[in-house]
PDB file of N, CA and C in Angstrom:
ATOM      1  N   MET A   1     -57.410 -76.291  64.341  1.00  0.00           N
ATOM      2  CA  MET A   1     -56.396 -77.250  63.940  1.00  0.00           C
ATOM      3  C   MET A   1     -55.035 -76.559  63.957  1.00  0.00           C
ATOM      4  N   LYS A   2     -54.028 -77.253  64.418  1.00  0.00           N
ATOM      5  CA  LYS A   2     -52.683 -76.688  64.518  1.00  0.00           C
ATOM      6  C   LYS A   2     -51.927 -76.862  63.210  1.00  0.00           C
ATOM      7  N   ILE A   3     -50.895 -76.050  63.055  1.00  0.00           N
ATOM      8  CA  ILE A   3     -50.144 -76.040  61.799  1.00  0.00           C
ATOM      9  C   ILE A   3     -49.471 -77.381  61.512  1.00  0.00           C
ATOM     10  N   GLY A   4     -49.021 -78.091  62.538  1.00  0.00           N
ATOM     11  CA  GLY A   4     -48.417 -79.406  62.324  1.00  0.00           C
ATOM     12  C   GLY A   4     -49.392 -80.372  61.673  1.00  0.00           C
ATOM     13  N   ASP A   5     -50.651 -80.312  62.109  1.00  0.00           N
ATOM     14  CA  ASP A   5     -51.691 -81.158  61.509  1.00  0.00           C
ATOM     15  C   ASP A   5     -51.890 -80.787  60.043  1.00  0.00           C
ATOM     16  N   ASN A   6     -51.866 -79.476  59.754  1.00  0.00           N
ATOM     17  CA  ASN A   6     -52.027 -79.019  58.373  1.00  0.00           C
ATOM     18  C   ASN A   6     -50.865 -79.483  57.500  1.00  0.00           C
ATOM     19  N   LEU A   7     -49.652 -79.406  58.039  1.00  0.00           N
ATOM     20  CA  LEU A   7     -48.487 -79.848  57.269  1.00  0.00           C
ATOM     21  C   LEU A   7     -48.551 -81.346  56.984  1.00  0.00           C
ATOM     22  N   LYS A   8     -49.031 -82.109  57.945  1.00  0.00           N
ATOM     23  CA  LYS A   8     -49.170 -83.553  57.729  1.00  0.00           C
ATOM     24  C   LYS A   8     -50.188 -83.829  56.618  1.00  0.00           C
ATOM     25  N   LYS A   9     -51.339 -83.131  56.650  1.00  0.00           N
ATOM     26  CA  LYS A   9     -52.346 -83.313  55.593  1.00  0.00           C
ATOM     27  C   LYS A   9     -51.776 -82.904  54.240  1.00  0.00           C
ATOM     28  N   LEU A  10     -51.040 -81.798  54.203  1.00  0.00           N
ATOM     29  CA  LEU A  10     -50.432 -81.329  52.958  1.00  0.00           C
ATOM     30  C   LEU A  10     -49.435 -82.364  52.436  1.00  0.00           C
ATOM     31  N   ARG A  11     -48.602 -82.873  53.323  1.00  0.00           N
ATOM     32  CA  ARG A  11     -47.602 -83.877  52.938  1.00  0.00           C
ATOM     33  C   ARG A  11     -48.279 -85.123  52.384  1.00  0.00           C
ATOM     34  N   GLU A  12     -49.270 -85.628  53.123  1.00  0.00           N
ATOM     35  CA  GLU A  12     -49.953 -86.854  52.700  1.00  0.00           C
ATOM     36  C   GLU A  12     -50.716 -86.660  51.396  1.00  0.00           C
ATOM     37  N   SER A  13     -51.342 -85.498  51.227  1.00  0.00           N
ATOM     38  CA  SER A  13     -52.107 -85.260  50.001  1.00  0.00           C
ATOM     39  C   SER A  13     -51.198 -85.152  48.779  1.00  0.00           C
ATOM     40  N   ASN A  14     -49.916 -84.876  49.004  1.00  0.00           N
ATOM     41  CA  ASN A  14     -48.951 -84.807  47.908  1.00  0.00           C
ATOM     42  C   ASN A  14     -48.093 -86.061  47.800  1.00  0.00           C
ATOM     43  N   GLY A  15     -48.402 -87.075  48.621  1.00  0.00           N
ATOM     44  CA  GLY A  15     -47.694 -88.349  48.557  1.00  0.00           C
ATOM     45  C   GLY A  15     -46.222 -88.262  48.925  1.00  0.00           C
ATOM     46  N   LEU A  16     -45.893 -87.384  49.866  1.00  0.00           N
ATOM     47  CA  LEU A  16     -44.501 -87.207  50.273  1.00  0.00           C
ATOM     48  C   LEU A  16     -44.228 -87.863  51.619  1.00  0.00           C
ATOM     49  N   THR A  17     -42.971 -88.188  51.849  1.00  0.00           N
ATOM     50  CA  THR A  17     -42.555 -88.728  53.142  1.00  0.00           C
ATOM     51  C   THR A  17     -42.119 -87.575  54.043  1.00  0.00           C
ATOM     52  N   GLN A  18     -41.981 -87.875  55.324  1.00  0.00           N
ATOM     53  CA  GLN A  18     -41.468 -86.860  56.242  1.00  0.00           C
ATOM     54  C   GLN A  18     -40.047 -86.460  55.842  1.00  0.00           C
ATOM     55  N   GLN A  19     -39.266 -87.405  55.373  1.00  0.00           N
ATOM     56  CA  GLN A  19     -37.893 -87.096  54.955  1.00  0.00           C
ATOM     57  C   GLN A  19     -37.890 -86.105  53.792  1.00  0.00           C
ATOM     58  N   GLN A  20     -38.785 -86.308  52.828  1.00  0.00           N
ATOM     59  CA  GLN A  20     -38.853 -85.394  51.686  1.00  0.00           C
ATOM     60  C   GLN A  20     -39.254 -83.987  52.134  1.00  0.00           C
ATOM     61  N   MET A  21     -40.205 -83.906  53.057  1.00  0.00           N
ATOM     62  CA  MET A  21     -40.605 -82.592  53.582  1.00  0.00           C
ATOM     63  C   MET A  21     -39.450 -81.958  54.351  1.00  0.00           C
ATOM     64  N   ALA A  22     -38.760 -82.748  55.137  1.00  0.00           N
ATOM     65  CA  ALA A  22     -37.613 -82.240  55.901  1.00  0.00           C
ATOM     66  C   ALA A  22     -36.545 -81.696  54.953  1.00  0.00           C
ATOM     67  N   ASP A  23     -36.314 -82.408  53.863  1.00  0.00           N
ATOM     68  CA  ASP A  23     -35.329 -81.951  52.876  1.00  0.00           C
ATOM     69  C   ASP A  23     -35.739 -80.611  52.269  1.00  0.00           C
ATOM     70  N   LEU A  24     -37.034 -80.431  52.029  1.00  0.00           N
ATOM     71  CA  LEU A  24     -37.522 -79.178  51.452  1.00  0.00           C
ATOM     72  C   LEU A  24     -37.235 -77.979  52.347  1.00  0.00           C
ATOM     73  N   ILE A  25     -37.297 -78.186  53.654  1.00  0.00           N
ATOM     74  CA  ILE A  25     -37.089 -77.062  54.578  1.00  0.00           C
ATOM     75  C   ILE A  25     -35.722 -77.138  55.267  1.00  0.00           C
ATOM     76  N   HIS A  26     -34.865 -77.994  54.743  1.00  0.00           N
ATOM     77  CA  HIS A  26     -33.478 -78.093  55.213  1.00  0.00           C
ATOM     78  C   HIS A  26     -33.382 -78.381  56.712  1.00  0.00           C
ATOM     79  N   THR A  27     -34.044 -79.444  57.130  1.00  0.00           N
ATOM     80  CA  THR A  27     -33.974 -79.881  58.523  1.00  0.00           C
ATOM     81  C   THR A  27     -33.885 -81.402  58.557  1.00  0.00           C
ATOM     82  N   HIS A  28     -33.693 -81.945  59.731  1.00  0.00           N
ATOM     83  CA  HIS A  28     -33.652 -83.401  59.891  1.00  0.00           C
ATOM     84  C   HIS A  28     -35.075 -83.953  59.945  1.00  0.00           C
ATOM     85  N   ARG A  29     -35.224 -85.220  59.577  1.00  0.00           N
ATOM     86  CA  ARG A  29     -36.544 -85.840  59.605  1.00  0.00           C
ATOM     87  C   ARG A  29     -37.128 -85.808  61.013  1.00  0.00           C
ATOM     88  N   SER A  30     -36.298 -86.034  62.012  1.00  0.00           N
ATOM     89  CA  SER A  30     -36.800 -86.033  63.395  1.00  0.00           C
ATOM     90  C   SER A  30     -37.332 -84.654  63.787  1.00  0.00           C
ATOM     91  N   GLY A  31     -36.664 -83.605  63.321  1.00  0.00           N
ATOM     92  CA  GLY A  31     -37.146 -82.245  63.591  1.00  0.00           C
ATOM     93  C   GLY A  31     -38.460 -81.976  62.888  1.00  0.00           C
ATOM     94  N   TYR A  32     -38.557 -82.454  61.644  1.00  0.00           N
ATOM     95  CA  TYR A  32     -39.809 -82.273  60.912  1.00  0.00           C
ATOM     96  C   TYR A  32     -40.939 -83.050  61.588  1.00  0.00           C
ATOM     97  N   SER A  33     -40.637 -84.248  62.072  1.00  0.00           N
ATOM     98  CA  SER A  33     -41.640 -85.052  62.771  1.00  0.00           C
ATOM     99  C   SER A  33     -42.183 -84.296  63.983  1.00  0.00           C
ATOM    100  N   LYS A  34     -41.297 -83.619  64.700  1.00  0.00           N
ATOM    101  CA  LYS A  34     -41.738 -82.826  65.856  1.00  0.00           C
ATOM    102  C   LYS A  34     -42.654 -81.687  65.425  1.00  0.00           C
ATOM    103  N   ILE A  35     -42.377 -81.104  64.266  1.00  0.00           N
ATOM    104  CA  ILE A  35     -43.246 -80.039  63.747  1.00  0.00           C
ATOM    105  C   ILE A  35     -44.632 -80.606  63.462  1.00  0.00           C
ATOM    106  N   GLU A  36     -44.689 -81.748  62.761  1.00  0.00           N
ATOM    107  CA  GLU A  36     -45.982 -82.367  62.442  1.00  0.00           C
ATOM    108  C   GLU A  36     -46.755 -82.756  63.697  1.00  0.00           C
ATOM    109  N   ASN A  37     -46.043 -83.133  64.741  1.00  0.00           N
ATOM    110  CA  ASN A  37     -46.691 -83.540  65.990  1.00  0.00           C
ATOM    111  C   ASN A  37     -46.914 -82.371  66.942  1.00  0.00           C
ATOM    112  N   ASN A  38     -46.720 -81.164  66.428  1.00  0.00           N
ATOM    113  CA  ASN A  38     -46.943 -79.929  67.193  1.00  0.00           C
ATOM    114  C   ASN A  38     -46.101 -79.863  68.463  1.00  0.00           C
ATOM    115  N   GLN A  39     -44.914 -80.448  68.402  1.00  0.00           N
ATOM    116  CA  GLN A  39     -43.982 -80.402  69.530  1.00  0.00           C
ATOM    117  C   GLN A  39     -42.899 -79.352  69.301  1.00  0.00           C
ATOM    118  N   GLN A  40     -42.841 -78.836  68.073  1.00  0.00           N
ATOM    119  CA  GLN A  40     -41.838 -77.840  67.712  1.00  0.00           C
ATOM    120  C   GLN A  40     -42.471 -76.889  66.707  1.00  0.00           C
ATOM    121  N   ASP A  41     -42.163 -75.600  66.827  1.00  0.00           N
ATOM    122  CA  ASP A  41     -42.700 -74.614  65.892  1.00  0.00           C
ATOM    123  C   ASP A  41     -41.955 -74.674  64.567  1.00  0.00           C
ATOM    124  N   VAL A  42     -42.663 -74.317  63.516  1.00  0.00           N
ATOM    125  CA  VAL A  42     -42.056 -74.241  62.193  1.00  0.00           C
ATOM    126  C   VAL A  42     -41.646 -72.789  61.966  1.00  0.00           C
ATOM    127  N   SER A  43     -40.511 -72.582  61.328  1.00  0.00           N
ATOM    128  CA  SER A  43     -40.031 -71.220  61.094  1.00  0.00           C
ATOM    129  C   SER A  43     -40.782 -70.569  59.935  1.00  0.00           C
ATOM    130  N   ILE A  44     -40.770 -69.254  59.936  1.00  0.00           N
ATOM    131  CA  ILE A  44     -41.370 -68.498  58.829  1.00  0.00           C
ATOM    132  C   ILE A  44     -40.658 -68.860  57.529  1.00  0.00           C
ATOM    133  N   GLU A  45     -39.347 -68.985  57.595  1.00  0.00           N
ATOM    134  CA  GLU A  45     -38.570 -69.330  56.401  1.00  0.00           C
ATOM    135  C   GLU A  45     -39.021 -70.673  55.826  1.00  0.00           C
ATOM    136  N   ALA A  46     -39.277 -71.636  56.702  1.00  0.00           N
ATOM    137  CA  ALA A  46     -39.737 -72.950  56.241  1.00  0.00           C
ATOM    138  C   ALA A  46     -41.117 -72.843  55.605  1.00  0.00           C
ATOM    139  N   LEU A  47     -41.997 -72.046  56.212  1.00  0.00           N
ATOM    140  CA  LEU A  47     -43.333 -71.863  55.637  1.00  0.00           C
ATOM    141  C   LEU A  47     -43.246 -71.216  54.257  1.00  0.00           C
ATOM    142  N   ILE A  48     -42.369 -70.246  54.116  1.00  0.00           N
ATOM    143  CA  ILE A  48     -42.195 -69.586  52.814  1.00  0.00           C
ATOM    144  C   ILE A  48     -41.659 -70.582  51.789  1.00  0.00           C
ATOM    145  N   GLN A  49     -40.695 -71.399  52.185  1.00  0.00           N
ATOM    146  CA  GLN A  49     -40.141 -72.414  51.282  1.00  0.00           C
ATOM    147  C   GLN A  49     -41.224 -73.403  50.845  1.00  0.00           C
ATOM    148  N   LEU A  50     -42.045 -73.844  51.787  1.00  0.00           N
ATOM    149  CA  LEU A  50     -43.126 -74.776  51.451  1.00  0.00           C
ATOM    150  C   LEU A  50     -44.169 -74.109  50.563  1.00  0.00           C
ATOM    151  N   SER A  51     -44.450 -72.836  50.811  1.00  0.00           N
ATOM    152  CA  SER A  51     -45.441 -72.141  49.984  1.00  0.00           C
ATOM    153  C   SER A  51     -44.967 -72.063  48.540  1.00  0.00           C
ATOM    154  N   LYS A  52     -43.675 -71.844  48.348  1.00  0.00           N
ATOM    155  CA  LYS A  52     -43.126 -71.813  46.986  1.00  0.00           C
ATOM    156  C   LYS A  52     -43.174 -73.203  46.354  1.00  0.00           C
ATOM    157  N   GLN A  53     -42.803 -74.208  47.127  1.00  0.00           N
ATOM    158  CA  GLN A  53     -42.764 -75.582  46.624  1.00  0.00           C
ATOM    159  C   GLN A  53     -44.142 -76.063  46.175  1.00  0.00           C
ATOM    160  N   PHE A  54     -45.174 -75.731  46.961  1.00  0.00           N
ATOM    161  CA  PHE A  54     -46.516 -76.225  46.669  1.00  0.00           C
ATOM    162  C   PHE A  54     -47.391 -75.194  45.961  1.00  0.00           C
ATOM    163  N   ASN A  55     -46.782 -74.060  45.566  1.00  0.00           N
ATOM    164  CA  ASN A  55     -47.506 -73.006  44.859  1.00  0.00           C
ATOM    165  C   ASN A  55     -48.752 -72.573  45.638  1.00  0.00           C
ATOM    166  N   MET A  56     -48.544 -72.329  46.926  1.00  0.00           N
ATOM    167  CA  MET A  56     -49.615 -71.910  47.829  1.00  0.00           C
ATOM    168  C   MET A  56     -49.121 -70.699  48.607  1.00  0.00           C
ATOM    169  N   SER A  57     -50.046 -69.944  49.168  1.00  0.00           N
ATOM    170  CA  SER A  57     -49.638 -68.867  50.066  1.00  0.00           C
ATOM    171  C   SER A  57     -49.347 -69.474  51.440  1.00  0.00           C
ATOM    172  N   VAL A  58     -48.612 -68.732  52.251  1.00  0.00           N
ATOM    173  CA  VAL A  58     -48.356 -69.180  53.624  1.00  0.00           C
ATOM    174  C   VAL A  58     -49.686 -69.358  54.342  1.00  0.00           C
ATOM    175  N   ASP A  59     -50.617 -68.453  54.085  1.00  0.00           N
ATOM    176  CA  ASP A  59     -51.943 -68.546  54.697  1.00  0.00           C
ATOM    177  C   ASP A  59     -52.631 -69.852  54.330  1.00  0.00           C
ATOM    178  N   GLU A  60     -52.531 -70.245  53.073  1.00  0.00           N
ATOM    179  CA  GLU A  60     -53.158 -71.497  52.648  1.00  0.00           C
ATOM    180  C   GLU A  60     -52.527 -72.698  53.345  1.00  0.00           C
ATOM    181  N   ILE A  61     -51.243 -72.626  53.606  1.00  0.00           N
ATOM    182  CA  ILE A  61     -50.583 -73.723  54.322  1.00  0.00           C
ATOM    183  C   ILE A  61     -51.039 -73.749  55.775  1.00  0.00           C
ATOM    184  N   ILE A  62     -51.113 -72.570  56.391  1.00  0.00           N
ATOM    185  CA  ILE A  62     -51.529 -72.493  57.795  1.00  0.00           C
ATOM    186  C   ILE A  62     -52.950 -73.001  57.980  1.00  0.00           C
ATOM    187  N   SER A  63     -53.819 -72.688  57.016  1.00  0.00           N
ATOM    188  CA  SER A  63     -55.220 -73.098  57.143  1.00  0.00           C
ATOM    189  C   SER A  63     -55.573 -74.168  56.115  1.00  0.00           C
ATOM    190  N   PHE A  64     -54.631 -75.037  55.775  1.00  0.00           N
ATOM    191  CA  PHE A  64     -54.805 -76.036  54.722  1.00  0.00           C
ATOM    192  C   PHE A  64     -56.015 -76.928  54.970  1.00  0.00           C
ATOM    193  N   ASP A  65     -56.829 -77.056  53.927  1.00  0.00           N
ATOM    194  CA  ASP A  65     -57.988 -77.943  53.966  1.00  0.00           C
ATOM    195  C   ASP A  65     -58.255 -78.403  52.541  1.00  0.00           C
ATOM    196  N   ASN A  66     -58.137 -79.702  52.304  1.00  0.00           N
ATOM    197  CA  ASN A  66     -58.350 -80.251  50.952  1.00  0.00           C
ATOM    198  C   ASN A  66     -59.731 -79.919  50.403  1.00  0.00           C
ATOM    199  N   ASN A  67     -60.706 -79.789  51.282  1.00  0.00           N
ATOM    200  CA  ASN A  67     -62.099 -79.655  50.848  1.00  0.00           C
ATOM    201  C   ASN A  67     -62.653 -78.256  51.049  1.00  0.00           C
ATOM    202  N   LYS A  68     -61.808 -77.220  51.044  1.00  0.00           N
ATOM    203  CA  LYS A  68     -62.309 -75.908  51.405  1.00  0.00           C
ATOM    204  C   LYS A  68     -62.947 -75.128  50.257  1.00  0.00           C
ATOM    205  N   ILE A  69     -62.823 -75.558  49.030  1.00  0.00           N
ATOM    206  CA  ILE A  69     -63.413 -74.823  47.914  1.00  0.00           C
ATOM    207  C   ILE A  69     -64.826 -75.339  47.670  1.00  0.00           C
ATOM    208  N   PRO A  70     -65.832 -74.483  47.894  1.00  0.00           N
ATOM    209  CA  PRO A  70     -67.211 -74.927  47.698  1.00  0.00           C
ATOM    210  C   PRO A  70     -67.549 -75.060  46.216  1.00  0.00           C
ATOM    211  N   ASN A  71     -68.526 -75.887  45.925  1.00  0.00           N
ATOM    212  CA  ASN A  71     -68.975 -76.059  44.547  1.00  0.00           C
ATOM    213  C   ASN A  71     -69.803 -74.873  44.071  1.00  0.00           C
ATOM    214  N   GLU A  72     -70.483 -74.214  44.991  1.00  0.00           N
ATOM    215  CA  GLU A  72     -71.373 -73.115  44.647  1.00  0.00           C
ATOM    216  C   GLU A  72     -71.249 -72.026  45.700  1.00  0.00           C
ATOM    217  N   VAL A  73     -71.315 -70.770  45.242  1.00  0.00           N
ATOM    218  CA  VAL A  73     -71.198 -69.641  46.159  1.00  0.00           C
ATOM    219  C   VAL A  73     -72.411 -68.749  45.989  1.00  0.00           C
ATOM    220  N   SER A  74     -72.965 -68.304  47.106  1.00  0.00           N
ATOM    221  CA  SER A  74     -74.099 -67.392  47.087  1.00  0.00           C
ATOM    222  C   SER A  74     -73.677 -66.086  47.753  1.00  0.00           C
ATOM    223  N   ILE A  75     -73.908 -64.963  47.070  1.00  0.00           N
ATOM    224  CA  ILE A  75     -73.547 -63.657  47.622  1.00  0.00           C
ATOM    225  C   ILE A  75     -74.822 -62.866  47.868  1.00  0.00           C
ATOM    226  N   ALA A  76     -75.128 -62.668  49.152  1.00  0.00           N
ATOM    227  CA  ALA A  76     -76.349 -61.960  49.533  1.00  0.00           C
ATOM    228  C   ALA A  76     -76.139 -60.449  49.578  1.00  0.00           C
ATOM    229  N   ASP A  77     -74.920 -60.008  49.847  1.00  0.00           N
ATOM    230  CA  ASP A  77     -74.618 -58.586  49.964  1.00  0.00           C
ATOM    231  C   ASP A  77     -74.491 -57.975  48.566  1.00  0.00           C
ATOM    232  N   LYS A  78     -75.406 -57.071  48.230  1.00  0.00           N
ATOM    233  CA  LYS A  78     -75.444 -56.476  46.896  1.00  0.00           C
ATOM    234  C   LYS A  78     -74.162 -55.706  46.582  1.00  0.00           C
ATOM    235  N   ALA A  79     -73.632 -54.966  47.556  1.00  0.00           N
ATOM    236  CA  ALA A  79     -72.417 -54.181  47.334  1.00  0.00           C
ATOM    237  C   ALA A  79     -71.232 -55.093  47.004  1.00  0.00           C
ATOM    238  N   THR A  80     -71.130 -56.203  47.703  1.00  0.00           N
ATOM    239  CA  THR A  80     -70.042 -57.150  47.444  1.00  0.00           C
ATOM    240  C   THR A  80     -70.177 -57.747  46.051  1.00  0.00           C
ATOM    241  N   LEU A  81     -71.391 -58.097  45.672  1.00  0.00           N
ATOM    242  CA  LEU A  81     -71.636 -58.646  44.341  1.00  0.00           C
ATOM    243  C   LEU A  81     -71.242 -57.638  43.261  1.00  0.00           C
ATOM    244  N   GLU A  82     -71.603 -56.369  43.451  1.00  0.00           N
ATOM    245  CA  GLU A  82     -71.250 -55.332  42.477  1.00  0.00           C
ATOM    246  C   GLU A  82     -69.729 -55.169  42.378  1.00  0.00           C
ATOM    247  N   GLN A  83     -69.050 -55.226  43.521  1.00  0.00           N
ATOM    248  CA  GLN A  83     -67.592 -55.105  43.510  1.00  0.00           C
ATOM    249  C   GLN A  83     -66.955 -56.283  42.772  1.00  0.00           C
ATOM    250  N   LEU A  84     -67.480 -57.468  42.984  1.00  0.00           N
ATOM    251  CA  LEU A  84     -66.950 -58.640  42.280  1.00  0.00           C
ATOM    252  C   LEU A  84     -67.174 -58.530  40.772  1.00  0.00           C
ATOM    253  N   GLN A  85     -68.315 -57.984  40.388  1.00  0.00           N
ATOM    254  CA  GLN A  85     -68.583 -57.794  38.962  1.00  0.00           C
ATOM    255  C   GLN A  85     -67.600 -56.788  38.357  1.00  0.00           C
ATOM    256  N   LEU A  86     -67.291 -55.720  39.104  1.00  0.00           N
ATOM    257  CA  LEU A  86     -66.313 -54.737  38.628  1.00  0.00           C
ATOM    258  C   LEU A  86     -64.919 -55.363  38.515  1.00  0.00           C
ATOM    259  N   ILE A  87     -64.561 -56.173  39.482  1.00  0.00           N
ATOM    260  CA  ILE A  87     -63.267 -56.860  39.435  1.00  0.00           C
ATOM    261  C   ILE A  87     -63.200 -57.762  38.212  1.00  0.00           C
ATOM    262  N   ASN A  88     -64.296 -58.423  37.908  1.00  0.00           N
ATOM    263  CA  ASN A  88     -64.346 -59.326  36.760  1.00  0.00           C
ATOM    264  C   ASN A  88     -64.128 -58.586  35.442  1.00  0.00           C
ATOM    265  N   GLU A  89     -64.426 -57.287  35.413  1.00  0.00           N
ATOM    266  CA  GLU A  89     -64.258 -56.489  34.195  1.00  0.00           C
ATOM    267  C   GLU A  89     -62.833 -55.971  34.007  1.00  0.00           C
ATOM    268  N   LEU A  90     -61.991 -56.122  35.011  1.00  0.00           N
ATOM    269  CA  LEU A  90     -60.608 -55.653  34.915  1.00  0.00           C
ATOM    270  C   LEU A  90     -59.822 -56.477  33.905  1.00  0.00           C
ATOM    271  N   GLU A  91     -58.731 -55.887  33.432  1.00  0.00           N
ATOM    272  CA  GLU A  91     -57.799 -56.610  32.566  1.00  0.00           C
ATOM    273  C   GLU A  91     -57.155 -57.733  33.392  1.00  0.00           C
ATOM    274  N   PRO A  92     -56.753 -58.819  32.767  1.00  0.00           N
ATOM    275  CA  PRO A  92     -56.164 -59.939  33.510  1.00  0.00           C
ATOM    276  C   PRO A  92     -55.002 -59.535  34.429  1.00  0.00           C
ATOM    277  N   GLU A  93     -54.124 -58.653  33.947  1.00  0.00           N
ATOM    278  CA  GLU A  93     -52.990 -58.228  34.776  1.00  0.00           C
ATOM    279  C   GLU A  93     -53.468 -57.451  35.997  1.00  0.00           C
ATOM    280  N   GLU A  94     -54.482 -56.606  35.811  1.00  0.00           N
ATOM    281  CA  GLU A  94     -55.026 -55.828  36.929  1.00  0.00           C
ATOM    282  C   GLU A  94     -55.696 -56.751  37.946  1.00  0.00           C
ATOM    283  N   LYS A  95     -56.404 -57.750  37.442  1.00  0.00           N
ATOM    284  CA  LYS A  95     -57.032 -58.734  38.336  1.00  0.00           C
ATOM    285  C   LYS A  95     -55.983 -59.451  39.170  1.00  0.00           C
ATOM    286  N   THR A  96     -54.912 -59.867  38.524  1.00  0.00           N
ATOM    287  CA  THR A  96     -53.845 -60.579  39.222  1.00  0.00           C
ATOM    288  C   THR A  96     -53.261 -59.725  40.336  1.00  0.00           C
ATOM    289  N   ILE A  97     -52.996 -58.466  40.046  1.00  0.00           N
ATOM    290  CA  ILE A  97     -52.442 -57.554  41.059  1.00  0.00           C
ATOM    291  C   ILE A  97     -53.416 -57.393  42.215  1.00  0.00           C
ATOM    292  N   LEU A  98     -54.677 -57.158  41.905  1.00  0.00           N
ATOM    293  CA  LEU A  98     -55.687 -56.963  42.946  1.00  0.00           C
ATOM    294  C   LEU A  98     -55.843 -58.215  43.809  1.00  0.00           C
ATOM    295  N   LEU A  99     -55.899 -59.368  43.186  1.00  0.00           N
ATOM    296  CA  LEU A  99     -56.057 -60.610  43.940  1.00  0.00           C
ATOM    297  C   LEU A  99     -54.840 -60.895  44.816  1.00  0.00           C
ATOM    298  N   LYS A 100     -53.651 -60.550  44.337  1.00  0.00           N
ATOM    299  CA  LYS A 100     -52.449 -60.722  45.167  1.00  0.00           C
ATOM    300  C   LYS A 100     -52.480 -59.778  46.371  1.00  0.00           C
ATOM    301  N   LEU A 101     -52.968 -58.556  46.169  1.00  0.00           N
ATOM    302  CA  LEU A 101     -53.111 -57.619  47.288  1.00  0.00           C
ATOM    303  C   LEU A 101     -54.086 -58.159  48.329  1.00  0.00           C
ATOM    304  N   ILE A 102     -55.215 -58.642  47.864  1.00  0.00           N
ATOM    305  CA  ILE A 102     -56.212 -59.202  48.782  1.00  0.00           C
ATOM    306  C   ILE A 102     -55.617 -60.392  49.530  1.00  0.00           C
ATOM    307  N   GLU A 103     -54.950 -61.272  48.804  1.00  0.00           N
ATOM    308  CA  GLU A 103     -54.337 -62.450  49.423  1.00  0.00           C
ATOM    309  C   GLU A 103     -53.309 -62.041  50.480  1.00  0.00           C
ATOM    310  N   THR A 104     -52.547 -61.000  50.190  1.00  0.00           N
ATOM    311  CA  THR A 104     -51.548 -60.518  51.147  1.00  0.00           C
ATOM    312  C   THR A 104     -52.203 -60.035  52.431  1.00  0.00           C
ATOM    313  N   PHE A 105     -53.262 -59.236  52.309  1.00  0.00           N
ATOM    314  CA  PHE A 105     -53.951 -58.734  53.496  1.00  0.00           C
ATOM    315  C   PHE A 105     -54.582 -59.869  54.301  1.00  0.00           C
ATOM    316  N   VAL A 106     -55.215 -60.801  53.622  1.00  0.00           N
ATOM    317  CA  VAL A 106     -55.852 -61.927  54.312  1.00  0.00           C
ATOM    318  C   VAL A 106     -54.793 -62.799  54.979  1.00  0.00           C
ATOM    319  N   SER A 107     -53.707 -63.074  54.272  1.00  0.00           N
ATOM    320  CA  SER A 107     -52.629 -63.890  54.846  1.00  0.00           C
ATOM    321  C   SER A 107     -52.048 -63.234  56.086  1.00  0.00           C
ATOM    322  N   LYS A 108     -51.838 -61.937  56.011  1.00  0.00           N
ATOM    323  CA  LYS A 108     -51.281 -61.204  57.152  1.00  0.00           C
ATOM    324  C   LYS A 108     -52.203 -61.308  58.358  1.00  0.00           C
ATOM    325  N   LYS A 109     -53.501 -61.137  58.134  1.00  0.00           N
ATOM    326  CA  LYS A 109     -54.455 -61.204  59.238  1.00  0.00           C
ATOM    327  C   LYS A 109     -54.510 -62.611  59.824  1.00  0.00           C
ATOM    328  N   ARG A 110     -54.597 -63.619  58.978  1.00  0.00           N
ATOM    329  CA  ARG A 110     -54.677 -64.996  59.475  1.00  0.00           C
ATOM    330  C   ARG A 110     -53.403 -65.406  60.201  1.00  0.00           C
ATOM    331  N   PHE A 111     -52.260 -64.965  59.688  1.00  0.00           N
ATOM    332  CA  PHE A 111     -51.010 -65.309  60.347  1.00  0.00           C
ATOM    333  C   PHE A 111     -50.929 -64.624  61.707  1.00  0.00           C
ATOM    334  N   LYS A 112     -51.364 -63.377  61.761  1.00  0.00           N
ATOM    335  CA  LYS A 112     -51.388 -62.647  63.037  1.00  0.00           C
ATOM    336  C   LYS A 112     -52.316 -63.354  64.025  1.00  0.00           C
ATOM    337  N   ASP A 113     -53.498 -63.753  63.558  1.00  0.00           N
ATOM    338  CA  ASP A 113     -54.441 -64.484  64.417  1.00  0.00           C
ATOM    339  C   ASP A 113     -53.838 -65.807  64.879  1.00  0.00           C
ATOM    340  N   TYR A 114     -53.158 -66.502  63.978  1.00  0.00           N
ATOM    341  CA  TYR A 114     -52.523 -67.780  64.310  1.00  0.00           C
ATOM    342  C   TYR A 114     -51.471 -67.586  65.395  1.00  0.00           C
ATOM    343  N   LEU A 115     -50.631 -66.561  65.223  1.00  0.00           N
ATOM    344  CA  LEU A 115     -49.597 -66.295  66.221  1.00  0.00           C
ATOM    345  C   LEU A 115     -50.204 -65.959  67.577  1.00  0.00           C
ATOM    346  N   GLN A 116     -51.238 -65.122  67.578  1.00  0.00           N
ATOM    347  CA  GLN A 116     -51.882 -64.754  68.835  1.00  0.00           C
ATOM    348  C   GLN A 116     -52.483 -65.981  69.509  1.00  0.00           C
ATOM    349  N   GLN A 117     -53.099 -66.850  68.741  1.00  0.00           N
ATOM    350  CA  GLN A 117     -53.713 -68.056  69.292  1.00  0.00           C
ATOM    351  C   GLN A 117     -52.654 -68.984  69.881  1.00  0.00           C
ATOM    352  N   ASN A 118     -51.551 -69.152  69.175  1.00  0.00           N
ATOM    353  CA  ASN A 118     -50.520 -70.071  69.641  1.00  0.00           C
ATOM    354  C   ASN A 118     -49.666 -69.483  70.753  1.00  0.00           C
ATOM    355  N   ILE A 119     -49.508 -68.185  70.785  1.00  0.00           N
ATOM    356  CA  ILE A 119     -48.791 -67.551  71.891  1.00  0.00           C
ATOM    357  C   ILE A 119     -49.631 -67.643  73.152  1.00  0.00           C
ATOM    358  N   ALA A 120     -50.948 -67.547  72.997  1.00  0.00           N
ATOM    359  CA  ALA A 120     -51.850 -67.634  74.149  1.00  0.00           C
ATOM    360  C   ALA A 120     -51.817 -69.021  74.786  1.00  0.00           C
ATOM    361  N   THR A 121     -51.496 -70.058  74.007  1.00  0.00           N
ATOM    362  CA  THR A 121     -51.480 -71.422  74.546  1.00  0.00           C
ATOM    363  C   THR A 121     -50.161 -71.777  75.226  1.00  0.00           C
ATOM    364  N   LEU A 122     -49.185 -70.878  75.150  1.00  0.00           N
ATOM    365  CA  LEU A 122     -47.887 -71.160  75.790  1.00  0.00           C
ATOM    366  C   LEU A 122     -47.939 -71.011  77.271  1.00  0.00           C
TER     367      LEU A 122
END
């Protein structure tokens, strides 16, 4: 799925108009419409602005899916389970720092993959 499709789902799930989204990223409605229709690329600055507005990471916006959080998780890898248990024992501030680090690495990788995929289609 392309980023324009994700932005449209994000906009609709928040009950916003294209004009309101355009205002958030300081562009014209017609320009925003082109972004949603995958006719124009969205800037990094706009993605950062939207991530702040919706309290999401840029990665979450790029891969936005309303239904992506499962109700139940099964961890078969014993080492991963042990690491998660150790993380759970950390102080709240330490957990927050660690989770932000993980989110940063994952976001960087997904954004890099997204760029490579979209550059390949040019």
